[in-house]
Full PDB file with SEQRES, HELIX, SHEET, SSBOND, CRYST1, ORIGX, SCALE, CONECT and MASTER records, all heavy atoms in Angstrom:
SEQRES   1 A   40  MET ILE ARG GLU GLY TRP SER THR GLU THR VAL SER GLY          
SEQRES   2 A   40  ASN VAL TYR GLY THR TRP THR LYS GLU LYS SER PRO TYR          
SEQRES   3 A   40  ILE VAL ASN GLY ASP ILE ASN VAL PRO SER GLY LYS GLY          
SEQRES   4 A   40  LEU                                                          
HELIX    1 AA1 LYS A   21  LYS A   23  5                                   3    
SHEET    1 AA1 2 GLU A   9  ASN A  14  0                                        
SHEET    2 AA1 2 TYR A  26  ASN A  33  1                                        
CRYST1    1.000    1.000    1.000  90.00  90.00  90.00 P 1           1          
ORIGX1      1.000000  0.000000  0.000000        0.00000                         
ORIGX2      0.000000  1.000000  0.000000        0.00000                         
ORIGX3      0.000000  0.000000  1.000000        0.00000                         
SCALE1      1.000000  0.000000  0.000000        0.00000                         
SCALE2      0.000000  1.000000  0.000000        0.00000                         
SCALE3      0.000000  0.000000  1.000000        0.00000                         
ATOM      1  N   MET A   1       2.077  26.018  21.121  1.00  0.00           N  
ATOM      2  CA  MET A   1       1.868  24.957  20.149  1.00  0.00           C  
ATOM      3  C   MET A   1       1.761  23.608  20.843  1.00  0.00           C  
ATOM      4  O   MET A   1       0.885  22.813  20.538  1.00  0.00           O  
ATOM      5  CB  MET A   1       3.026  24.932  19.142  1.00  0.00           C  
ATOM      6  CG  MET A   1       3.028  26.087  18.186  1.00  0.00           C  
ATOM      7  SD  MET A   1       4.569  26.249  17.260  1.00  0.00           S  
ATOM      8  CE  MET A   1       4.746  24.642  16.546  1.00  0.00           C  
ATOM      9  N   ILE A   2       2.652  23.343  21.781  1.00  0.00           N  
ATOM     10  CA  ILE A   2       2.656  22.064  22.475  1.00  0.00           C  
ATOM     11  C   ILE A   2       1.462  21.967  23.412  1.00  0.00           C  
ATOM     12  O   ILE A   2       0.777  20.962  23.485  1.00  0.00           O  
ATOM     13  CB  ILE A   2       3.991  21.871  23.216  1.00  0.00           C  
ATOM     14  CG1 ILE A   2       5.132  21.756  22.181  1.00  0.00           C  
ATOM     15  CG2 ILE A   2       3.955  20.644  24.114  1.00  0.00           C  
ATOM     16  CD1 ILE A   2       6.507  21.819  22.772  1.00  0.00           C  
ATOM     17  N   ARG A   3       1.170  23.031  24.138  1.00  0.00           N  
ATOM     18  CA  ARG A   3       0.076  23.039  25.105  1.00  0.00           C  
ATOM     19  C   ARG A   3      -1.284  22.858  24.446  1.00  0.00           C  
ATOM     20  O   ARG A   3      -2.160  22.183  24.957  1.00  0.00           O  
ATOM     21  CB  ARG A   3       0.104  24.344  25.888  1.00  0.00           C  
ATOM     22  CG  ARG A   3      -0.911  24.386  27.007  1.00  0.00           C  
ATOM     23  CD  ARG A   3      -0.656  25.597  27.886  1.00  0.00           C  
ATOM     24  NE  ARG A   3      -1.595  25.606  28.975  1.00  0.00           N  
ATOM     25  CZ  ARG A   3      -2.672  26.371  29.025  1.00  0.00           C  
ATOM     26  NH1 ARG A   3      -2.945  27.198  28.048  1.00  0.00           N  
ATOM     27  NH2 ARG A   3      -3.480  26.329  30.060  1.00  0.00           N  
ATOM     28  N   GLU A   4      -1.458  23.454  23.291  1.00  0.00           N  
ATOM     29  CA  GLU A   4      -2.746  23.390  22.609  1.00  0.00           C  
ATOM     30  C   GLU A   4      -2.912  22.092  21.823  1.00  0.00           C  
ATOM     31  O   GLU A   4      -3.895  21.905  21.137  1.00  0.00           O  
ATOM     32  CB  GLU A   4      -2.902  24.596  21.668  1.00  0.00           C  
ATOM     33  CG  GLU A   4      -2.990  25.917  22.393  1.00  0.00           C  
ATOM     34  CD  GLU A   4      -4.183  25.992  23.330  1.00  0.00           C  
ATOM     35  OE1 GLU A   4      -5.275  25.519  22.953  1.00  0.00           O  
ATOM     36  OE2 GLU A   4      -4.025  26.518  24.437  1.00  0.00           O  
ATOM     37  N   GLY A   5      -1.936  21.188  21.918  1.00  0.00           N  
ATOM     38  CA  GLY A   5      -2.065  19.898  21.268  1.00  0.00           C  
ATOM     39  C   GLY A   5      -1.771  19.904  19.780  1.00  0.00           C  
ATOM     40  O   GLY A   5      -2.192  19.020  19.061  1.00  0.00           O  
ATOM     41  N   TRP A   6      -1.032  20.901  19.312  1.00  0.00           N  
ATOM     42  CA  TRP A   6      -0.645  20.888  17.919  1.00  0.00           C  
ATOM     43  C   TRP A   6       0.242  19.676  17.696  1.00  0.00           C  
ATOM     44  O   TRP A   6       0.851  19.142  18.603  1.00  0.00           O  
ATOM     45  CB  TRP A   6       0.093  22.173  17.557  1.00  0.00           C  
ATOM     46  CG  TRP A   6      -0.784  23.384  17.540  1.00  0.00           C  
ATOM     47  CD1 TRP A   6      -2.072  23.480  17.970  1.00  0.00           C  
ATOM     48  CD2 TRP A   6      -0.428  24.681  17.093  1.00  0.00           C  
ATOM     49  NE1 TRP A   6      -2.543  24.753  17.809  1.00  0.00           N  
ATOM     50  CE2 TRP A   6      -1.546  25.509  17.279  1.00  0.00           C  
ATOM     51  CE3 TRP A   6       0.722  25.220  16.555  1.00  0.00           C  
ATOM     52  CZ2 TRP A   6      -1.546  26.841  16.925  1.00  0.00           C  
ATOM     53  CZ3 TRP A   6       0.727  26.554  16.222  1.00  0.00           C  
ATOM     54  CH2 TRP A   6      -0.399  27.359  16.392  1.00  0.00           C  
ATOM     55  N   SER A   7       0.317  19.260  16.488  1.00  0.00           N  
ATOM     56  CA  SER A   7       1.084  18.070  16.161  1.00  0.00           C  
ATOM     57  C   SER A   7       2.556  18.239  16.541  1.00  0.00           C  
ATOM     58  O   SER A   7       3.156  19.280  16.293  1.00  0.00           O  
ATOM     59  CB  SER A   7       0.971  17.802  14.660  1.00  0.00           C  
ATOM     60  OG  SER A   7       1.722  16.683  14.310  1.00  0.00           O  
ATOM     61  N   THR A   8       3.097  17.229  17.198  1.00  0.00           N  
ATOM     62  CA  THR A   8       4.533  17.172  17.470  1.00  0.00           C  
ATOM     63  C   THR A   8       4.998  15.765  17.160  1.00  0.00           C  
ATOM     64  O   THR A   8       4.228  14.812  17.194  1.00  0.00           O  
ATOM     65  CB  THR A   8       4.880  17.500  18.934  1.00  0.00           C  
ATOM     66  OG1 THR A   8       4.242  16.550  19.784  1.00  0.00           O  
ATOM     67  CG2 THR A   8       4.478  18.901  19.317  1.00  0.00           C  
ATOM     68  N   GLU A   9       6.251  15.627  16.852  1.00  0.00           N  
ATOM     69  CA  GLU A   9       6.838  14.343  16.524  1.00  0.00           C  
ATOM     70  C   GLU A   9       8.085  14.191  17.389  1.00  0.00           C  
ATOM     71  O   GLU A   9       8.966  15.038  17.373  1.00  0.00           O  
ATOM     72  CB  GLU A   9       7.200  14.336  15.033  1.00  0.00           C  
ATOM     73  CG  GLU A   9       7.522  13.014  14.443  1.00  0.00           C  
ATOM     74  CD  GLU A   9       6.308  12.138  14.203  1.00  0.00           C  
ATOM     75  OE1 GLU A   9       5.186  12.644  14.068  1.00  0.00           O  
ATOM     76  OE2 GLU A   9       6.507  10.919  14.150  1.00  0.00           O  
ATOM     77  N   THR A  10       8.164  13.105  18.178  1.00  0.00           N  
ATOM     78  CA  THR A  10       9.331  12.840  19.005  1.00  0.00           C  
ATOM     79  C   THR A  10      10.224  11.853  18.262  1.00  0.00           C  
ATOM     80  O   THR A  10       9.742  10.821  17.777  1.00  0.00           O  
ATOM     81  CB  THR A  10       8.912  12.256  20.365  1.00  0.00           C  
ATOM     82  OG1 THR A  10       8.024  13.184  20.994  1.00  0.00           O  
ATOM     83  CG2 THR A  10      10.098  12.043  21.265  1.00  0.00           C  
ATOM     84  N   VAL A  11      11.526  12.169  18.170  1.00  0.00           N  
ATOM     85  CA  VAL A  11      12.433  11.338  17.380  1.00  0.00           C  
ATOM     86  C   VAL A  11      13.719  11.048  18.138  1.00  0.00           C  
ATOM     87  O   VAL A  11      14.154  11.823  18.990  1.00  0.00           O  
ATOM     88  CB  VAL A  11      12.770  11.998  16.023  1.00  0.00           C  
ATOM     89  CG1 VAL A  11      11.554  12.107  15.141  1.00  0.00           C  
ATOM     90  CG2 VAL A  11      13.397  13.370  16.223  1.00  0.00           C  
ATOM     91  N   SER A  12      14.334   9.907  17.798  1.00  0.00           N  
ATOM     92  CA  SER A  12      15.681   9.541  18.228  1.00  0.00           C  
ATOM     93  C   SER A  12      16.139   8.408  17.321  1.00  0.00           C  
ATOM     94  O   SER A  12      15.330   7.802  16.612  1.00  0.00           O  
ATOM     95  CB  SER A  12      15.715   9.121  19.696  1.00  0.00           C  
ATOM     96  OG  SER A  12      14.947   7.955  19.896  1.00  0.00           O  
ATOM     97  N   GLY A  13      17.431   8.132  17.317  1.00  0.00           N  
ATOM     98  CA  GLY A  13      17.961   7.050  16.477  1.00  0.00           C  
ATOM     99  C   GLY A  13      18.082   7.451  15.019  1.00  0.00           C  
ATOM    100  O   GLY A  13      18.313   8.609  14.694  1.00  0.00           O  
ATOM    101  N   ASN A  14      17.919   6.470  14.116  1.00  0.00           N  
ATOM    102  CA  ASN A  14      18.023   6.721  12.681  1.00  0.00           C  
ATOM    103  C   ASN A  14      16.826   7.522  12.181  1.00  0.00           C  
ATOM    104  O   ASN A  14      15.689   7.218  12.523  1.00  0.00           O  
ATOM    105  CB  ASN A  14      18.098   5.412  11.904  1.00  0.00           C  
ATOM    106  CG  ASN A  14      19.405   4.689  12.114  1.00  0.00           C  
ATOM    107  OD1 ASN A  14      20.414   5.277  12.479  1.00  0.00           O  
ATOM    108  ND2 ASN A  14      19.404   3.389  11.882  1.00  0.00           N  
ATOM    109  N   VAL A  15      17.098   8.544  11.382  1.00  0.00           N  
ATOM    110  CA  VAL A  15      16.053   9.366  10.781  1.00  0.00           C  
ATOM    111  C   VAL A  15      16.337   9.523   9.293  1.00  0.00           C  
ATOM    112  O   VAL A  15      17.479   9.687   8.892  1.00  0.00           O  
ATOM    113  CB  VAL A  15      15.937  10.751  11.462  1.00  0.00           C  
ATOM    114  CG1 VAL A  15      15.479  10.619  12.900  1.00  0.00           C  
ATOM    115  CG2 VAL A  15      17.243  11.525  11.401  1.00  0.00           C  
ATOM    116  N   TYR A  16      15.275   9.429   8.478  1.00  0.00           N  
ATOM    117  CA  TYR A  16      15.375   9.663   7.046  1.00  0.00           C  
ATOM    118  C   TYR A  16      13.965   9.831   6.502  1.00  0.00           C  
ATOM    119  O   TYR A  16      12.986   9.646   7.227  1.00  0.00           O  
ATOM    120  CB  TYR A  16      16.138   8.540   6.322  1.00  0.00           C  
ATOM    121  CG  TYR A  16      15.661   7.146   6.656  1.00  0.00           C  
ATOM    122  CD1 TYR A  16      14.643   6.548   5.943  1.00  0.00           C  
ATOM    123  CD2 TYR A  16      16.257   6.435   7.692  1.00  0.00           C  
ATOM    124  CE1 TYR A  16      14.209   5.270   6.251  1.00  0.00           C  
ATOM    125  CE2 TYR A  16      15.835   5.152   8.010  1.00  0.00           C  
ATOM    126  CZ  TYR A  16      14.816   4.573   7.275  1.00  0.00           C  
ATOM    127  OH  TYR A  16      14.398   3.309   7.596  1.00  0.00           O  
ATOM    128  N   GLY A  17      13.874  10.247   5.256  1.00  0.00           N  
ATOM    129  CA  GLY A  17      12.563  10.546   4.680  1.00  0.00           C  
ATOM    130  C   GLY A  17      12.348  12.049   4.632  1.00  0.00           C  
ATOM    131  O   GLY A  17      13.281  12.802   4.366  1.00  0.00           O  
ATOM    132  N   THR A  18      11.137  12.492   4.941  1.00  0.00           N  
ATOM    133  CA  THR A  18      10.804  13.922   4.895  1.00  0.00           C  
ATOM    134  C   THR A  18      10.172  14.355   6.204  1.00  0.00           C  
ATOM    135  O   THR A  18       9.263  13.690   6.701  1.00  0.00           O  
ATOM    136  CB  THR A  18       9.827  14.209   3.738  1.00  0.00           C  
ATOM    137  OG1 THR A  18      10.425  13.778   2.512  1.00  0.00           O  
ATOM    138  CG2 THR A  18       9.510  15.693   3.645  1.00  0.00           C  
ATOM    139  N   TRP A  19      10.667  15.460   6.756  1.00  0.00           N  
ATOM    140  CA  TRP A  19      10.036  16.078   7.921  1.00  0.00           C  
ATOM    141  C   TRP A  19       9.216  17.251   7.409  1.00  0.00           C  
ATOM    142  O   TRP A  19       9.724  18.118   6.712  1.00  0.00           O  
ATOM    143  CB  TRP A  19      11.085  16.553   8.919  1.00  0.00           C  
ATOM    144  CG  TRP A  19      11.729  15.433   9.676  1.00  0.00           C  
ATOM    145  CD1 TRP A  19      11.525  14.090   9.511  1.00  0.00           C  
ATOM    146  CD2 TRP A  19      12.695  15.551  10.715  1.00  0.00           C  
ATOM    147  NE1 TRP A  19      12.295  13.378  10.396  1.00  0.00           N  
ATOM    148  CE2 TRP A  19      13.022  14.246  11.145  1.00  0.00           C  
ATOM    149  CE3 TRP A  19      13.311  16.625  11.328  1.00  0.00           C  
ATOM    150  CZ2 TRP A  19      13.955  13.998  12.154  1.00  0.00           C  
ATOM    151  CZ3 TRP A  19      14.232  16.389  12.332  1.00  0.00           C  
ATOM    152  CH2 TRP A  19      14.541  15.082  12.745  1.00  0.00           C  
ATOM    153  N   THR A  20       7.930  17.268   7.779  1.00  0.00           N  
ATOM    154  CA  THR A  20       7.011  18.261   7.246  1.00  0.00           C  
ATOM    155  C   THR A  20       6.640  19.312   8.294  1.00  0.00           C  
ATOM    156  O   THR A  20       6.703  19.058   9.495  1.00  0.00           O  
ATOM    157  CB  THR A  20       5.719  17.588   6.759  1.00  0.00           C  
ATOM    158  OG1 THR A  20       5.061  16.981   7.878  1.00  0.00           O  
ATOM    159  CG2 THR A  20       5.999  16.539   5.698  1.00  0.00           C  
ATOM    160  N   LYS A  21       6.224  20.451   7.796  1.00  0.00           N  
ATOM    161  CA  LYS A  21       5.774  21.535   8.664  1.00  0.00           C  
ATOM    162  C   LYS A  21       4.551  21.111   9.472  1.00  0.00           C  
ATOM    163  O   LYS A  21       4.386  21.508  10.622  1.00  0.00           O  
ATOM    164  CB  LYS A  21       5.461  22.761   7.807  1.00  0.00           C  
ATOM    165  CG  LYS A  21       5.096  23.984   8.587  1.00  0.00           C  
ATOM    166  CD  LYS A  21       4.879  25.157   7.650  1.00  0.00           C  
ATOM    167  CE  LYS A  21       4.486  26.400   8.406  1.00  0.00           C  
ATOM    168  NZ  LYS A  21       4.261  27.526   7.495  1.00  0.00           N  
ATOM    169  N   GLU A  22       3.688  20.284   8.893  1.00  0.00           N  
ATOM    170  CA  GLU A  22       2.477  19.841   9.569  1.00  0.00           C  
ATOM    171  C   GLU A  22       2.772  19.020  10.826  1.00  0.00           C  
ATOM    172  O   GLU A  22       1.982  19.024  11.761  1.00  0.00           O  
ATOM    173  CB  GLU A  22       1.593  19.018   8.618  1.00  0.00           C  
ATOM    174  CG  GLU A  22       0.947  19.841   7.514  1.00  0.00           C  
ATOM    175  CD  GLU A  22       1.931  20.216   6.400  1.00  0.00           C  
ATOM    176  OE1 GLU A  22       2.894  19.472   6.148  1.00  0.00           O  
ATOM    177  OE2 GLU A  22       1.730  21.283   5.797  1.00  0.00           O  
ATOM    178  N   LYS A  23       3.881  18.292  10.851  1.00  0.00           N  
ATOM    179  CA  LYS A  23       4.226  17.471  12.020  1.00  0.00           C  
ATOM    180  C   LYS A  23       5.195  18.186  12.961  1.00  0.00           C  
ATOM    181  O   LYS A  23       5.605  17.634  13.964  1.00  0.00           O  
ATOM    182  CB  LYS A  23       4.829  16.144  11.576  1.00  0.00           C  
ATOM    183  CG  LYS A  23       3.818  15.241  10.918  1.00  0.00           C  
ATOM    184  CD  LYS A  23       4.425  13.888  10.637  1.00  0.00           C  
ATOM    185  CE  LYS A  23       3.397  12.955  10.025  1.00  0.00           C  
ATOM    186  NZ  LYS A  23       3.980  11.635   9.740  1.00  0.00           N  
ATOM    187  N   SER A  24       5.569  19.392  12.630  1.00  0.00           N  
ATOM    188  CA  SER A  24       6.496  20.181  13.426  1.00  0.00           C  
ATOM    189  C   SER A  24       5.808  20.704  14.690  1.00  0.00           C  
ATOM    190  O   SER A  24       4.598  20.957  14.662  1.00  0.00           O  
ATOM    191  CB  SER A  24       6.980  21.346  12.564  1.00  0.00           C  
ATOM    192  OG  SER A  24       7.879  22.175  13.235  1.00  0.00           O  
ATOM    193  N   PRO A  25       6.497  20.859  15.811  1.00  0.00           N  
ATOM    194  CA  PRO A  25       7.939  20.702  15.964  1.00  0.00           C  
ATOM    195  C   PRO A  25       8.344  19.240  16.157  1.00  0.00           C  
ATOM    196  O   PRO A  25       7.573  18.433  16.660  1.00  0.00           O  
ATOM    197  CB  PRO A  25       8.237  21.506  17.218  1.00  0.00           C  
ATOM    198  CG  PRO A  25       7.002  21.422  18.040  1.00  0.00           C  
ATOM    199  CD  PRO A  25       5.875  21.374  17.049  1.00  0.00           C  
ATOM    200  N   TYR A  26       9.563  18.935  15.746  1.00  0.00           N  
ATOM    201  CA  TYR A  26      10.157  17.631  15.985  1.00  0.00           C  
ATOM    202  C   TYR A  26      10.986  17.757  17.258  1.00  0.00           C  
ATOM    203  O   TYR A  26      11.866  18.614  17.348  1.00  0.00           O  
ATOM    204  CB  TYR A  26      11.035  17.214  14.802  1.00  0.00           C  
ATOM    205  CG  TYR A  26      10.210  16.857  13.584  1.00  0.00           C  
ATOM    206  CD1 TYR A  26       9.697  17.838  12.748  1.00  0.00           C  
ATOM    207  CD2 TYR A  26       9.928  15.536  13.293  1.00  0.00           C  
ATOM    208  CE1 TYR A  26       8.922  17.511  11.648  1.00  0.00           C  
ATOM    209  CE2 TYR A  26       9.158  15.197  12.189  1.00  0.00           C  
ATOM    210  CZ  TYR A  26       8.658  16.187  11.377  1.00  0.00           C  
ATOM    211  OH  TYR A  26       7.890  15.859  10.287  1.00  0.00           O  
ATOM    212  N   ILE A  27      10.684  16.921  18.245  1.00  0.00           N  
ATOM    213  CA  ILE A  27      11.373  16.961  19.532  1.00  0.00           C  
ATOM    214  C   ILE A  27      12.384  15.820  19.561  1.00  0.00           C  
ATOM    215  O   ILE A  27      12.004  14.643  19.503  1.00  0.00           O  
ATOM    216  CB  ILE A  27      10.378  16.812  20.711  1.00  0.00           C  
ATOM    217  CG1 ILE A  27       9.202  17.783  20.582  1.00  0.00           C  
ATOM    218  CG2 ILE A  27      11.104  16.949  22.042  1.00  0.00           C  
ATOM    219  CD1 ILE A  27       9.551  19.238  20.629  1.00  0.00           C  
ATOM    220  N   VAL A  28      13.662  16.151  19.646  1.00  0.00           N  
ATOM    221  CA  VAL A  28      14.736  15.152  19.628  1.00  0.00           C  
ATOM    222  C   VAL A  28      15.083  14.815  21.068  1.00  0.00           C  
ATOM    223  O   VAL A  28      15.589  15.659  21.803  1.00  0.00           O  
ATOM    224  CB  VAL A  28      15.967  15.687  18.871  1.00  0.00           C  
ATOM    225  CG1 VAL A  28      17.085  14.655  18.876  1.00  0.00           C  
ATOM    226  CG2 VAL A  28      15.588  16.090  17.448  1.00  0.00           C  
ATOM    227  N   ASN A  29      14.799  13.566  21.485  1.00  0.00           N  
ATOM    228  CA  ASN A  29      15.044  13.191  22.877  1.00  0.00           C  
ATOM    229  C   ASN A  29      16.198  12.209  23.038  1.00  0.00           C  
ATOM    230  O   ASN A  29      16.422  11.674  24.113  1.00  0.00           O  
ATOM    231  CB  ASN A  29      13.770  12.637  23.529  1.00  0.00           C  
ATOM    232  CG  ASN A  29      13.260  11.397  22.860  1.00  0.00           C  
ATOM    233  OD1 ASN A  29      13.871  10.881  21.929  1.00  0.00           O  
ATOM    234  ND2 ASN A  29      12.115  10.913  23.300  1.00  0.00           N  
ATOM    235  N   GLY A  30      16.937  11.970  21.970  1.00  0.00           N  
ATOM    236  CA  GLY A  30      18.146  11.152  21.979  1.00  0.00           C  
ATOM    237  C   GLY A  30      18.910  11.470  20.710  1.00  0.00           C  
ATOM    238  O   GLY A  30      18.353  12.058  19.780  1.00  0.00           O  
ATOM    239  N   ASP A  31      20.188  11.106  20.641  1.00  0.00           N  
ATOM    240  CA  ASP A  31      20.959  11.388  19.432  1.00  0.00           C  
ATOM    241  C   ASP A  31      20.220  10.867  18.211  1.00  0.00           C  
ATOM    242  O   ASP A  31      19.586   9.813  18.248  1.00  0.00           O  
ATOM    243  CB  ASP A  31      22.331  10.721  19.492  1.00  0.00           C  
ATOM    244  CG  ASP A  31      23.264  11.377  20.499  1.00  0.00           C  
ATOM    245  OD1 ASP A  31      22.916  12.447  21.031  1.00  0.00           O  
ATOM    246  OD2 ASP A  31      24.349  10.817  20.737  1.00  0.00           O  
ATOM    247  N   ILE A  32      20.296  11.631  17.116  1.00  0.00           N  
ATOM    248  CA  ILE A  32      19.715  11.199  15.849  1.00  0.00           C  
ATOM    249  C   ILE A  32      20.805  11.162  14.803  1.00  0.00           C  
ATOM    250  O   ILE A  32      21.812  11.868  14.907  1.00  0.00           O  
ATOM    251  CB  ILE A  32      18.543  12.099  15.381  1.00  0.00           C  
ATOM    252  CG1 ILE A  32      18.977  13.561  15.215  1.00  0.00           C  
ATOM    253  CG2 ILE A  32      17.366  11.983  16.331  1.00  0.00           C  
ATOM    254  CD1 ILE A  32      17.906  14.462  14.603  1.00  0.00           C  
ATOM    255  N   ASN A  33      20.597  10.300  13.784  1.00  0.00           N  
ATOM    256  CA  ASN A  33      21.544  10.291  12.675  1.00  0.00           C  
ATOM    257  C   ASN A  33      20.863   9.872  11.392  1.00  0.00           C  
ATOM    258  O   ASN A  33      19.933   9.059  11.396  1.00  0.00           O  
ATOM    259  CB  ASN A  33      22.759   9.421  12.999  1.00  0.00           C  
ATOM    260  CG  ASN A  33      22.442   7.955  13.023  1.00  0.00           C  
ATOM    261  OD1 ASN A  33      22.410   7.332  11.982  1.00  0.00           O  
ATOM    262  ND2 ASN A  33      22.199   7.407  14.199  1.00  0.00           N  
ATOM    263  N   VAL A  34      21.329  10.482  10.297  1.00  0.00           N  
ATOM    264  CA  VAL A  34      20.917  10.095   8.962  1.00  0.00           C  
ATOM    265  C   VAL A  34      21.947   9.063   8.511  1.00  0.00           C  
ATOM    266  O   VAL A  34      23.119   9.393   8.344  1.00  0.00           O  
ATOM    267  CB  VAL A  34      20.893  11.292   7.995  1.00  0.00           C  
ATOM    268  CG1 VAL A  34      20.480  10.845   6.599  1.00  0.00           C  
ATOM    269  CG2 VAL A  34      19.981  12.395   8.508  1.00  0.00           C  
ATOM    270  N   PRO A  35      21.539   7.792   8.355  1.00  0.00           N  
ATOM    271  CA  PRO A  35      22.496   6.744   8.007  1.00  0.00           C  
ATOM    272  C   PRO A  35      23.092   6.926   6.610  1.00  0.00           C  
ATOM    273  O   PRO A  35      22.465   7.519   5.725  1.00  0.00           O  
ATOM    274  CB  PRO A  35      21.672   5.457   8.063  1.00  0.00           C  
ATOM    275  CG  PRO A  35      20.392   5.804   8.726  1.00  0.00           C  
ATOM    276  CD  PRO A  35      20.193   7.265   8.532  1.00  0.00           C  
ATOM    277  N   SER A  36      24.271   6.373   6.409  1.00  0.00           N  
ATOM    278  CA  SER A  36      24.906   6.358   5.098  1.00  0.00           C  
ATOM    279  C   SER A  36      23.964   5.701   4.092  1.00  0.00           C  
ATOM    280  O   SER A  36      23.336   4.687   4.386  1.00  0.00           O  
ATOM    281  CB  SER A  36      26.222   5.589   5.182  1.00  0.00           C  
ATOM    282  OG  SER A  36      26.858   5.572   3.939  1.00  0.00           O  
ATOM    283  N   GLY A  37      23.832   6.298   2.921  1.00  0.00           N  
ATOM    284  CA  GLY A  37      22.952   5.760   1.890  1.00  0.00           C  
ATOM    285  C   GLY A  37      21.501   6.209   2.018  1.00  0.00           C  
ATOM    286  O   GLY A  37      20.674   5.875   1.180  1.00  0.00           O  
ATOM    287  N   LYS A  38      21.157   6.953   3.073  1.00  0.00           N  
ATOM    288  CA  LYS A  38      19.797   7.460   3.297  1.00  0.00           C  
ATOM    289  C   LYS A  38      19.816   8.984   3.233  1.00  0.00           C  
ATOM    290  O   LYS A  38      20.865   9.614   3.320  1.00  0.00           O  
ATOM    291  CB  LYS A  38      19.258   7.024   4.655  1.00  0.00           C  
ATOM    292  CG  LYS A  38      19.153   5.534   4.840  1.00  0.00           C  
ATOM    293  CD  LYS A  38      17.958   4.990   4.091  1.00  0.00           C  
ATOM    294  CE  LYS A  38      17.788   3.510   4.403  1.00  0.00           C  
ATOM    295  NZ  LYS A  38      16.627   2.943   3.755  1.00  0.00           N  
ATOM    296  N   GLY A  39      18.627   9.582   3.131  1.00  0.00           N  
ATOM    297  CA  GLY A  39      18.520  11.031   3.087  1.00  0.00           C  
ATOM    298  C   GLY A  39      17.372  11.537   3.941  1.00  0.00           C  
ATOM    299  O   GLY A  39      16.367  10.855   4.124  1.00  0.00           O  
ATOM    300  N   LEU A  40      17.555  12.731   4.480  1.00  0.00           N  
ATOM    301  CA  LEU A  40      16.507  13.413   5.231  1.00  0.00           C  
ATOM    302  C   LEU A  40      16.280  14.767   4.589  1.00  0.00           C  
ATOM    303  O   LEU A  40      17.222  15.546   4.416  1.00  0.00           O  
ATOM    304  CB  LEU A  40      16.895  13.596   6.700  1.00  0.00           C  
ATOM    305  CG  LEU A  40      15.920  14.406   7.561  1.00  0.00           C  
ATOM    306  CD1 LEU A  40      14.573  13.686   7.673  1.00  0.00           C  
ATOM    307  CD2 LEU A  40      16.506  14.665   8.934  1.00  0.00           C  
TER     308      LEU A  40                                                      
MASTER        0    0    0    1    2    0    0    6  307    1    0    4          
END                                                                             
């Protein structure tokens, strides 16, 4: 998937909103957190 250039999303820090199958895989390269009052 990565080699063929399929969509990937690199994340770190605050995360919220929606993670979709189309942007998968999500590569976490630093600690992530869903802040208080937000949702993922």
